Amino acid sequence: MKYKLDRSAHSVFALYYHLVIVVKYRRKALYSDDIRERLKDIVWNLSDELGIDVVAHEPAEDHYHLLFKATPKTNLVNVVNVIKGVSARRLRQEFPATKNLLCGDSFWSPSYFLATSGQVSLDALKEYVDSQIEK
């Protein structure tokens, strides 16, 4: 996949992030295709409000992967918190049977994984930066 560079008044950027959120206690709360598709719809609908572009996303039974593009001004903590909060509330409301799998009001684990994704590997980037030292 070729990266598309975005521009603002004084910068050029390509900021891609990989987010993984896990259902609390790894319960299989995303057990049906309907629930997984609804989760994707919820995140897709939130993307404009959050200022992100969904590149790819796919839920499994106990976790959710999201690849998204952002800007330098994007508040990543807010993105994660809104996605987790809104999706948890809506999924519990629309699919009451999931409450039987979960303890209390928690849907997602409090932790998450977020990594940047670039065009080159970290090793290649480090090698390039190291090669810029004047000799």
Protein backbone atom coordinates (compact mmCIF):
# COMPACT_ATOMS: atom_id res chain seq x y z
CA MET A 1 0.00 0.00 0.00
CA LYS A 2 1.44 3.36 -1.01
CA TYR A 3 1.34 6.10 1.59
CA LYS A 4 -0.47 9.31 0.70
CA LEU A 5 1.17 12.40 2.14
CA ASP A 6 -1.12 14.94 3.77
CA ARG A 7 -0.36 18.63 4.06
CA SER A 8 -1.16 21.49 6.35
CA ALA A 9 0.04 25.11 6.22
CA HIS A 10 3.58 24.29 7.37
CA SER A 11 3.94 20.53 7.38
CA VAL A 12 3.77 17.38 5.31
CA PHE A 13 2.89 14.18 7.12
CA ALA A 14 1.71 10.58 6.90
CA LEU A 15 0.60 9.52 10.37
CA TYR A 16 -0.84 6.02 10.54
CA TYR A 17 -1.68 4.26 13.81
CA HIS A 18 -2.53 0.68 14.75
CA LEU A 19 -4.90 0.43 17.73
CA VAL A 20 -5.85 -2.81 19.48
CA ILE A 21 -8.46 -2.83 22.22
CA VAL A 22 -9.38 -5.97 24.14
CA VAL A 23 -12.66 -7.02 25.71
CA LYS A 24 -12.31 -7.11 29.49
CA TYR A 25 -10.99 -10.47 30.71
CA ARG A 26 -10.78 -11.53 27.04
CA ARG A 27 -14.44 -12.52 27.15
CA LYS A 28 -15.90 -13.43 23.76
CA ALA A 29 -18.38 -10.52 23.81
CA LEU A 30 -17.99 -9.86 20.07
CA TYR A 31 -19.34 -13.33 19.36
CA SER A 32 -21.63 -12.63 16.41
CA ASP A 33 -21.21 -11.07 12.98
CA ASP A 34 -23.97 -8.59 13.85
CA ILE A 35 -22.08 -7.30 16.88
CA ARG A 36 -18.79 -7.10 14.99
CA GLU A 37 -20.40 -5.26 12.05
CA ARG A 38 -22.13 -2.86 14.44
CA LEU A 39 -18.79 -2.12 16.14
CA LYS A 40 -17.29 -1.30 12.74
CA ASP A 41 -20.25 0.99 11.96
CA ILE A 42 -19.92 2.79 15.30
CA VAL A 43 -16.22 3.48 14.77
CA TRP A 44 -16.76 4.47 11.14
CA ASN A 45 -19.45 6.96 12.21
CA LEU A 46 -17.20 8.43 14.92
CA SER A 47 -14.23 8.90 12.58
CA ASP A 48 -15.27 12.32 11.20
CA GLU A 49 -15.98 13.67 14.68
CA LEU A 50 -12.59 12.42 15.89
CA GLY A 51 -10.70 13.74 12.85
CA ILE A 52 -9.36 10.36 11.77
CA ASP A 53 -9.64 8.30 8.59
CA VAL A 54 -10.29 4.59 9.03
CA VAL A 55 -7.92 2.67 6.75
CA ALA A 56 -8.86 -0.84 7.93
CA HIS A 57 -10.51 -2.41 10.94
CA GLU A 58 -11.52 -5.88 11.95
CA PRO A 59 -12.95 -7.22 15.19
CA ALA A 60 -12.35 -10.72 16.51
CA GLU A 61 -14.43 -12.34 19.26
CA ASP A 62 -12.38 -10.82 22.08
CA HIS A 63 -10.49 -7.85 20.58
CA TYR A 64 -10.58 -5.20 17.87
CA HIS A 65 -7.90 -3.97 15.45
CA LEU A 66 -8.12 -0.50 13.92
CA LEU A 67 -5.68 1.05 11.45
CA PHE A 68 -6.32 4.77 11.07
CA LYS A 69 -4.75 7.90 9.66
CA ALA A 70 -4.53 11.09 11.73
CA THR A 71 -3.07 14.59 11.70
CA PRO A 72 -0.40 16.09 13.96
CA LYS A 73 -3.17 17.84 15.92
CA THR A 74 -5.12 14.64 16.62
CA ASN A 75 -5.54 13.95 20.32
CA LEU A 76 -4.80 10.21 20.32
CA VAL A 77 -5.85 9.61 23.94
CA ASN A 78 -9.19 11.24 23.18
CA VAL A 79 -9.61 9.08 20.05
CA VAL A 80 -9.05 5.90 22.05
CA ASN A 81 -11.27 6.98 24.96
CA VAL A 82 -14.16 8.05 22.71
CA ILE A 83 -14.00 4.86 20.64
CA LYS A 84 -13.94 2.69 23.76
CA GLY A 85 -16.60 4.65 25.63
CA VAL A 86 -19.12 5.14 22.85
CA SER A 87 -18.76 1.63 21.43
CA ALA A 88 -19.09 0.02 24.87
CA ARG A 89 -22.22 2.00 25.71
CA ARG A 90 -23.90 1.36 22.37
CA LEU A 91 -23.02 -2.33 22.16
CA ARG A 92 -24.33 -2.97 25.69
CA GLN A 93 -27.56 -1.09 24.86
CA GLU A 94 -28.14 -2.73 21.47
CA PHE A 95 -27.00 -6.25 22.41
CA PRO A 96 -28.14 -6.84 26.00
CA ALA A 97 -27.00 -10.49 25.90
CA THR A 98 -23.38 -9.27 26.04
CA LYS A 99 -24.00 -8.18 29.66
CA ASN A 100 -24.09 -11.85 30.66
CA LEU A 101 -20.50 -12.25 29.48
CA LEU A 102 -19.15 -9.16 31.19
CA CYS A 103 -18.64 -8.17 34.81
CA GLY A 104 -20.28 -4.90 35.80
CA ASP A 105 -20.37 -2.02 33.36
CA SER A 106 -16.92 -2.61 31.86
CA PHE A 107 -16.83 -3.75 28.27
CA TRP A 108 -13.24 -3.03 27.25
CA SER A 109 -10.07 -3.65 29.23
CA PRO A 110 -8.69 -0.36 30.60
CA SER A 111 -5.44 -0.85 28.67
CA TYR A 112 -4.85 -0.71 24.92
CA PHE A 113 -2.09 -1.06 22.33
CA LEU A 114 -1.27 1.86 20.03
CA ALA A 115 1.66 1.92 17.63
CA THR A 116 2.70 4.12 14.77
CA SER A 117 2.98 2.55 11.38
CA GLY A 118 5.44 3.85 8.82
CA GLN A 119 6.61 3.18 5.31
CA VAL A 120 9.91 1.74 6.45
CA SER A 121 10.95 -0.54 9.26
CA LEU A 122 12.32 0.89 12.48
CA ASP A 123 15.72 -0.64 11.70
CA ALA A 124 15.86 1.05 8.29
CA LEU A 125 14.85 4.39 9.79
CA LYS A 126 17.47 4.13 12.56
CA GLU A 127 20.12 3.28 9.98
CA TYR A 128 19.13 6.34 7.92
CA VAL A 129 19.22 8.68 10.93
CA ASP A 130 22.58 7.29 12.05
CA SER A 131 23.97 7.83 8.53
CA GLN A 132 23.19 11.56 8.75
CA ILE A 133 25.92 12.17 11.33
CA GLU A 134 28.64 14.32 9.83
CA LYS A 135 31.95 12.57 9.77
